[in-house]
PDB file of N, CA and C in Angstrom:
ATOM      1  N   MET A   1     114.309 126.136 105.421  1.00  0.00           N
ATOM      2  CA  MET A   1     115.198 126.518 106.478  1.00  0.00           C
ATOM      3  C   MET A   1     114.403 127.387 107.456  1.00  0.00           C
ATOM      4  N   VAL A   2     114.543 127.083 108.716  1.00  0.00           N
ATOM      5  CA  VAL A   2     113.831 127.824 109.758  1.00  0.00           C
ATOM      6  C   VAL A   2     114.825 128.279 110.814  1.00  0.00           C
ATOM      7  N   GLN A   3     114.392 129.240 111.607  1.00  0.00           N
ATOM      8  CA  GLN A   3     115.217 129.675 112.726  1.00  0.00           C
ATOM      9  C   GLN A   3     114.786 128.903 113.967  1.00  0.00           C
ATOM     10  N   ILE A   4     115.761 128.355 114.659  1.00  0.00           N
ATOM     11  CA  ILE A   4     115.515 127.519 115.834  1.00  0.00           C
ATOM     12  C   ILE A   4     116.190 128.176 117.026  1.00  0.00           C
ATOM     13  N   LEU A   5     115.456 128.294 118.125  1.00  0.00           N
ATOM     14  CA  LEU A   5     116.030 128.835 119.353  1.00  0.00           C
ATOM     15  C   LEU A   5     116.668 127.682 120.117  1.00  0.00           C
ATOM     16  N   THR A   6     117.949 127.813 120.385  1.00  0.00           N
ATOM     17  CA  THR A   6     118.657 126.763 121.102  1.00  0.00           C
ATOM     18  C   THR A   6     119.529 127.384 122.189  1.00  0.00           C
ATOM     19  N   CYS A   7     120.002 126.574 123.090  1.00  0.00           N
ATOM     20  CA  CYS A   7     120.880 127.038 124.164  1.00  0.00           C
ATOM     21  C   CYS A   7     122.312 126.640 123.843  1.00  0.00           C
ATOM     22  N   ILE A   8     123.226 127.602 123.930  1.00  0.00           N
ATOM     23  CA  ILE A   8     124.643 127.333 123.716  1.00  0.00           C
ATOM     24  C   ILE A   8     125.409 127.754 124.964  1.00  0.00           C
ATOM     25  N   GLU A   9     126.636 127.241 125.087  1.00  0.00           N
ATOM     26  CA  GLU A   9     127.453 127.614 126.247  1.00  0.00           C
ATOM     27  C   GLU A   9     127.840 129.078 126.167  1.00  0.00           C
ATOM     28  N   GLY A  10     127.727 129.745 127.264  1.00  0.00           N
ATOM     29  CA  GLY A  10     128.071 131.153 127.308  1.00  0.00           C
ATOM     30  C   GLY A  10     127.717 131.743 128.654  1.00  0.00           C
ATOM     31  N   ILE A  11     128.212 132.932 128.889  1.00  0.00           N
ATOM     32  CA  ILE A  11     127.953 133.606 130.155  1.00  0.00           C
ATOM     33  C   ILE A  11     126.794 134.567 129.936  1.00  0.00           C
ATOM     34  N   GLY A  12     125.797 134.417 130.755  1.00  0.00           N
ATOM     35  CA  GLY A  12     124.643 135.284 130.658  1.00  0.00           C
ATOM     36  C   GLY A  12     123.552 134.798 131.589  1.00  0.00           C
ATOM     37  N   ASP A  13     122.579 135.631 131.772  1.00  0.00           N
ATOM     38  CA  ASP A  13     121.472 135.289 132.653  1.00  0.00           C
ATOM     39  C   ASP A  13     120.225 135.090 131.804  1.00  0.00           C
ATOM     40  N   SER A  14     119.741 133.877 131.781  1.00  0.00           N
ATOM     41  CA  SER A  14     118.562 133.574 130.992  1.00  0.00           C
ATOM     42  C   SER A  14     117.649 132.677 131.802  1.00  0.00           C
ATOM     43  N   GLU A  15     116.359 132.967 131.720  1.00  0.00           N
ATOM     44  CA  GLU A  15     115.391 132.153 132.458  1.00  0.00           C
ATOM     45  C   GLU A  15     114.984 130.908 131.680  1.00  0.00           C
ATOM     46  N   ILE A  16     115.261 130.880 130.378  1.00  0.00           N
ATOM     47  CA  ILE A  16     114.797 129.742 129.580  1.00  0.00           C
ATOM     48  C   ILE A  16     115.881 128.695 129.345  1.00  0.00           C
ATOM     49  N   CYS A  17     117.138 129.022 129.620  1.00  0.00           N
ATOM     50  CA  CYS A  17     118.227 128.071 129.433  1.00  0.00           C
ATOM     51  C   CYS A  17     118.818 127.689 130.789  1.00  0.00           C
ATOM     52  N   PRO A  18     119.460 126.529 130.862  1.00  0.00           N
ATOM     53  CA  PRO A  18     120.120 126.137 132.113  1.00  0.00           C
ATOM     54  C   PRO A  18     121.265 127.096 132.457  1.00  0.00           C
ATOM     55  N   ILE A  19     121.755 126.986 133.669  1.00  0.00           N
ATOM     56  CA  ILE A  19     122.841 127.853 134.137  1.00  0.00           C
ATOM     57  C   ILE A  19     124.086 127.598 133.297  1.00  0.00           C
ATOM     58  N   GLY A  20     124.750 128.670 132.891  1.00  0.00           N
ATOM     59  CA  GLY A  20     125.958 128.565 132.091  1.00  0.00           C
ATOM     60  C   GLY A  20     125.682 128.528 130.595  1.00  0.00           C
ATOM     61  N   MET A  21     124.428 128.733 130.204  1.00  0.00           N
ATOM     62  CA  MET A  21     124.082 128.717 128.795  1.00  0.00           C
ATOM     63  C   MET A  21     123.248 129.944 128.455  1.00  0.00           C
ATOM     64  N   ILE A  22     123.290 130.358 127.195  1.00  0.00           N
ATOM     65  CA  ILE A  22     122.513 131.503 126.726  1.00  0.00           C
ATOM     66  C   ILE A  22     121.709 131.084 125.493  1.00  0.00           C
ATOM     67  N   PRO A  23     120.580 131.715 125.272  1.00  0.00           N
ATOM     68  CA  PRO A  23     119.798 131.368 124.083  1.00  0.00           C
ATOM     69  C   PRO A  23     120.394 131.990 122.819  1.00  0.00           C
ATOM     70  N   LYS A  24     120.264 131.291 121.702  1.00  0.00           N
ATOM     71  CA  LYS A  24     120.755 131.805 120.434  1.00  0.00           C
ATOM     72  C   LYS A  24     119.866 131.260 119.314  1.00  0.00           C
ATOM     73  N   LEU A  25     119.561 132.126 118.346  1.00  0.00           N
ATOM     74  CA  LEU A  25     118.807 131.708 117.162  1.00  0.00           C
ATOM     75  C   LEU A  25     119.782 131.192 116.118  1.00  0.00           C
ATOM     76  N   VAL A  26     119.540 129.977 115.649  1.00  0.00           N
ATOM     77  CA  VAL A  26     120.350 129.398 114.587  1.00  0.00           C
ATOM     78  C   VAL A  26     119.428 128.967 113.458  1.00  0.00           C
ATOM     79  N   GLU A  27     119.959 128.920 112.248  1.00  0.00           N
ATOM     80  CA  GLU A  27     119.169 128.472 111.114  1.00  0.00           C
ATOM     81  C   GLU A  27     119.456 127.002 110.865  1.00  0.00           C
ATOM     82  N   GLY A  28     118.400 126.280 110.534  1.00  0.00           N
ATOM     83  CA  GLY A  28     118.564 124.860 110.267  1.00  0.00           C
ATOM     84  C   GLY A  28     117.283 124.247 109.753  1.00  0.00           C
ATOM     85  N   TYR A  29     117.371 122.960 109.479  1.00  0.00           N
ATOM     86  CA  TYR A  29     116.224 122.193 109.003  1.00  0.00           C
ATOM     87  C   TYR A  29     115.704 121.321 110.134  1.00  0.00           C
ATOM     88  N   ILE A  30     114.406 121.111 110.147  1.00  0.00           N
ATOM     89  CA  ILE A  30     113.797 120.222 111.126  1.00  0.00           C
ATOM     90  C   ILE A  30     113.271 119.014 110.371  1.00  0.00           C
ATOM     91  N   PHE A  31     113.800 117.852 110.686  1.00  0.00           N
ATOM     92  CA  PHE A  31     113.345 116.611 110.073  1.00  0.00           C
ATOM     93  C   PHE A  31     112.519 115.855 111.084  1.00  0.00           C
ATOM     94  N   SER A  32     111.324 115.481 110.701  1.00  0.00           N
ATOM     95  CA  SER A  32     110.440 114.759 111.607  1.00  0.00           C
ATOM     96  C   SER A  32     110.424 113.293 111.215  1.00  0.00           C
ATOM     97  N   THR A  33     110.908 112.452 112.109  1.00  0.00           N
ATOM     98  CA  THR A  33     110.840 111.010 111.877  1.00  0.00           C
ATOM     99  C   THR A  33     109.734 110.399 112.725  1.00  0.00           C
ATOM    100  N   ASP A  34     108.945 111.241 113.340  1.00  0.00           N
ATOM    101  CA  ASP A  34     107.853 110.783 114.181  1.00  0.00           C
ATOM    102  C   ASP A  34     106.733 110.242 113.292  1.00  0.00           C
ATOM    103  N   PRO A  35     106.352 108.973 113.451  1.00  0.00           N
ATOM    104  CA  PRO A  35     105.291 108.429 112.596  1.00  0.00           C
ATOM    105  C   PRO A  35     103.910 108.977 112.935  1.00  0.00           C
ATOM    106  N   THR A  36     103.780 109.660 114.049  1.00  0.00           N
ATOM    107  CA  THR A  36     102.485 110.219 114.434  1.00  0.00           C
ATOM    108  C   THR A  36     102.373 111.683 114.044  1.00  0.00           C
ATOM    109  N   ALA A  37     103.214 112.145 113.144  1.00  0.00           N
ATOM    110  CA  ALA A  37     103.174 113.543 112.715  1.00  0.00           C
ATOM    111  C   ALA A  37     101.830 113.837 112.060  1.00  0.00           C
ATOM    112  N   PHE A  38     101.339 115.039 112.276  1.00  0.00           N
ATOM    113  CA  PHE A  38     100.028 115.438 111.764  1.00  0.00           C
ATOM    114  C   PHE A  38     100.097 115.639 110.257  1.00  0.00           C
ATOM    115  N   ASP A  39      99.194 114.995 109.518  1.00  0.00           N
ATOM    116  CA  ASP A  39      99.114 115.151 108.068  1.00  0.00           C
ATOM    117  C   ASP A  39      97.755 115.764 107.735  1.00  0.00           C
ATOM    118  N   PRO A  40      97.710 117.036 107.320  1.00  0.00           N
ATOM    119  CA  PRO A  40      96.426 117.695 107.090  1.00  0.00           C
ATOM    120  C   PRO A  40      95.610 117.086 105.956  1.00  0.00           C
ATOM    121  N   SER A  41      96.244 116.485 104.974  1.00  0.00           N
ATOM    122  CA  SER A  41      95.462 115.907 103.876  1.00  0.00           C
ATOM    123  C   SER A  41      94.693 114.676 104.357  1.00  0.00           C
ATOM    124  N   ILE A  42      95.295 113.867 105.221  1.00  0.00           N
ATOM    125  CA  ILE A  42      94.579 112.708 105.767  1.00  0.00           C
ATOM    126  C   ILE A  42      93.488 113.178 106.717  1.00  0.00           C
ATOM    127  N   ALA A  43      93.753 114.205 107.498  1.00  0.00           N
ATOM    128  CA  ALA A  43      92.734 114.743 108.392  1.00  0.00           C
ATOM    129  C   ALA A  43      91.548 115.277 107.596  1.00  0.00           C
ATOM    130  N   ALA A  44      91.803 115.908 106.462  1.00  0.00           N
ATOM    131  CA  ALA A  44      90.716 116.414 105.611  1.00  0.00           C
ATOM    132  C   ALA A  44      89.891 115.266 105.047  1.00  0.00           C
ATOM    133  N   GLN A  45      90.542 114.166 104.696  1.00  0.00           N
ATOM    134  CA  GLN A  45      89.807 113.001 104.188  1.00  0.00           C
ATOM    135  C   GLN A  45      88.910 112.405 105.274  1.00  0.00           C
ATOM    136  N   TYR A  46      89.426 112.281 106.493  1.00  0.00           N
ATOM    137  CA  TYR A  46      88.612 111.766 107.601  1.00  0.00           C
ATOM    138  C   TYR A  46      87.423 112.686 107.878  1.00  0.00           C
ATOM    139  N   PHE A  47      87.667 113.994 107.851  1.00  0.00           N
ATOM    140  CA  PHE A  47      86.587 114.945 108.095  1.00  0.00           C
ATOM    141  C   PHE A  47      85.521 114.846 107.013  1.00  0.00           C
ATOM    142  N   ALA A  48      85.937 114.780 105.745  1.00  0.00           N
ATOM    143  CA  ALA A  48      84.978 114.698 104.645  1.00  0.00           C
ATOM    144  C   ALA A  48      84.161 113.415 104.731  1.00  0.00           C
ATOM    145  N   PHE A  49      84.805 112.300 105.041  1.00  0.00           N
ATOM    146  CA  PHE A  49      84.082 111.032 105.174  1.00  0.00           C
ATOM    147  C   PHE A  49      83.083 111.093 106.324  1.00  0.00           C
ATOM    148  N   SER A  50      83.513 111.604 107.465  1.00  0.00           N
ATOM    149  CA  SER A  50      82.627 111.678 108.634  1.00  0.00           C
ATOM    150  C   SER A  50      81.462 112.618 108.384  1.00  0.00           C
ATOM    151  N   PHE A  51      81.748 113.790 107.818  1.00  0.00           N
ATOM    152  CA  PHE A  51      80.702 114.768 107.573  1.00  0.00           C
ATOM    153  C   PHE A  51      79.679 114.239 106.576  1.00  0.00           C
ATOM    154  N   SER A  52      80.142 113.617 105.492  1.00  0.00           N
ATOM    155  CA  SER A  52      79.201 113.098 104.492  1.00  0.00           C
ATOM    156  C   SER A  52      78.394 111.934 105.047  1.00  0.00           C
ATOM    157  N   THR A  53      78.987 111.116 105.910  1.00  0.00           N
ATOM    158  CA  THR A  53      78.247 110.019 106.532  1.00  0.00           C
ATOM    159  C   THR A  53      77.139 110.557 107.426  1.00  0.00           C
ATOM    160  N   VAL A  54      77.458 111.528 108.249  1.00  0.00           N
ATOM    161  CA  VAL A  54      76.457 112.124 109.134  1.00  0.00           C
ATOM    162  C   VAL A  54      75.360 112.804 108.319  1.00  0.00           C
ATOM    163  N   LEU A  55      75.721 113.515 107.276  1.00  0.00           N
ATOM    164  CA  LEU A  55      74.738 114.182 106.430  1.00  0.00           C
ATOM    165  C   LEU A  55      73.833 113.172 105.731  1.00  0.00           C
ATOM    166  N   ALA A  56      74.405 112.097 105.228  1.00  0.00           N
ATOM    167  CA  ALA A  56      73.603 111.065 104.558  1.00  0.00           C
ATOM    168  C   ALA A  56      72.640 110.400 105.534  1.00  0.00           C
ATOM    169  N   LEU A  57      73.116 110.090 106.727  1.00  0.00           N
ATOM    170  CA  LEU A  57      72.233 109.466 107.724  1.00  0.00           C
ATOM    171  C   LEU A  57      71.135 110.432 108.157  1.00  0.00           C
ATOM    172  N   PHE A  58      71.440 111.716 108.239  1.00  0.00           N
ATOM    173  CA  PHE A  58      70.418 112.704 108.580  1.00  0.00           C
ATOM    174  C   PHE A  58      69.340 112.752 107.506  1.00  0.00           C
ATOM    175  N   ILE A  59      69.746 112.737 106.237  1.00  0.00           N
ATOM    176  CA  ILE A  59      68.774 112.786 105.135  1.00  0.00           C
ATOM    177  C   ILE A  59      67.911 111.528 105.123  1.00  0.00           C
ATOM    178  N   VAL A  60      68.497 110.371 105.365  1.00  0.00           N
ATOM    179  CA  VAL A  60      67.728 109.113 105.417  1.00  0.00           C
ATOM    180  C   VAL A  60      66.740 109.163 106.577  1.00  0.00           C
ATOM    181  N   ALA A  61      67.182 109.605 107.741  1.00  0.00           N
ATOM    182  CA  ALA A  61      66.290 109.665 108.899  1.00  0.00           C
ATOM    183  C   ALA A  61      65.177 110.682 108.676  1.00  0.00           C
ATOM    184  N   ARG A  62      65.499 111.790 108.038  1.00  0.00           N
ATOM    185  CA  ARG A  62      64.474 112.806 107.749  1.00  0.00           C
ATOM    186  C   ARG A  62      63.419 112.254 106.791  1.00  0.00           C
ATOM    187  N   GLY A  63      63.870 111.536 105.763  1.00  0.00           N
ATOM    188  CA  GLY A  63      62.930 110.898 104.826  1.00  0.00           C
ATOM    189  C   GLY A  63      62.071 109.853 105.507  1.00  0.00           C
ATOM    190  N   ALA A  64      62.677 109.047 106.379  1.00  0.00           N
ATOM    191  CA  ALA A  64      61.910 108.037 107.114  1.00  0.00           C
ATOM    192  C   ALA A  64      60.899 108.712 108.028  1.00  0.00           C
ATOM    193  N   GLY A  65      61.260 109.848 108.594  1.00  0.00           N
ATOM    194  CA  GLY A  65      60.318 110.579 109.448  1.00  0.00           C
ATOM    195  C   GLY A  65      59.129 111.087 108.664  1.00  0.00           C
ATOM    196  N   PHE A  66      59.347 111.561 107.437  1.00  0.00           N
ATOM    197  CA  PHE A  66      58.224 112.003 106.611  1.00  0.00           C
ATOM    198  C   PHE A  66      57.320 110.838 106.253  1.00  0.00           C
ATOM    199  N   VAL A  67      57.879 109.689 105.925  1.00  0.00           N
ATOM    200  CA  VAL A  67      57.079 108.505 105.574  1.00  0.00           C
ATOM    201  C   VAL A  67      56.266 108.056 106.781  1.00  0.00           C
ATOM    202  N   LEU A  68      56.894 107.990 107.948  1.00  0.00           N
ATOM    203  CA  LEU A  68      56.165 107.566 109.145  1.00  0.00           C
ATOM    204  C   LEU A  68      55.071 108.564 109.499  1.00  0.00           C
ATOM    205  N   GLU A  69      55.312 109.838 109.279  1.00  0.00           N
ATOM    206  CA  GLU A  69      54.309 110.859 109.564  1.00  0.00           C
ATOM    207  C   GLU A  69      53.096 110.703 108.635  1.00  0.00           C
ATOM    208  N   MET A  70      53.341 110.314 107.388  1.00  0.00           N
ATOM    209  CA  MET A  70      52.222 110.101 106.443  1.00  0.00           C
ATOM    210  C   MET A  70      51.357 108.938 106.910  1.00  0.00           C
ATOM    211  N   PHE A  71      51.967 107.879 107.443  1.00  0.00           N
ATOM    212  CA  PHE A  71      51.174 106.723 107.890  1.00  0.00           C
ATOM    213  C   PHE A  71      50.427 107.010 109.189  1.00  0.00           C
ATOM    214  N   ARG A  72      50.930 107.905 110.008  1.00  0.00           N
ATOM    215  CA  ARG A  72      50.256 108.232 111.261  1.00  0.00           C
ATOM    216  C   ARG A  72      48.936 108.972 111.016  1.00  0.00           C
ATOM    217  N   LYS A  73      48.880 109.784 109.992  1.00  0.00           N
ATOM    218  CA  LYS A  73      47.698 110.609 109.752  1.00  0.00           C
ATOM    219  C   LYS A  73      46.624 109.861 109.116  1.00  0.00           C
TER     220      LYS A  73
END
């Protein structure tokens, strides 16, 4: 349960609500049916895959650089 700021009908002067309405904090649940909602566990998996791929390619390139350097000398 979270507190949500909403506008209700009432007399008052508020810059964040339309004319004739006042802000009020109400408690309620927020349900997200948006399929593009952020999922941190999937983001962590993408980050781990990307980071390990870049690290592996760096190690391979570094090893290839040492081998090529040995043949140059």
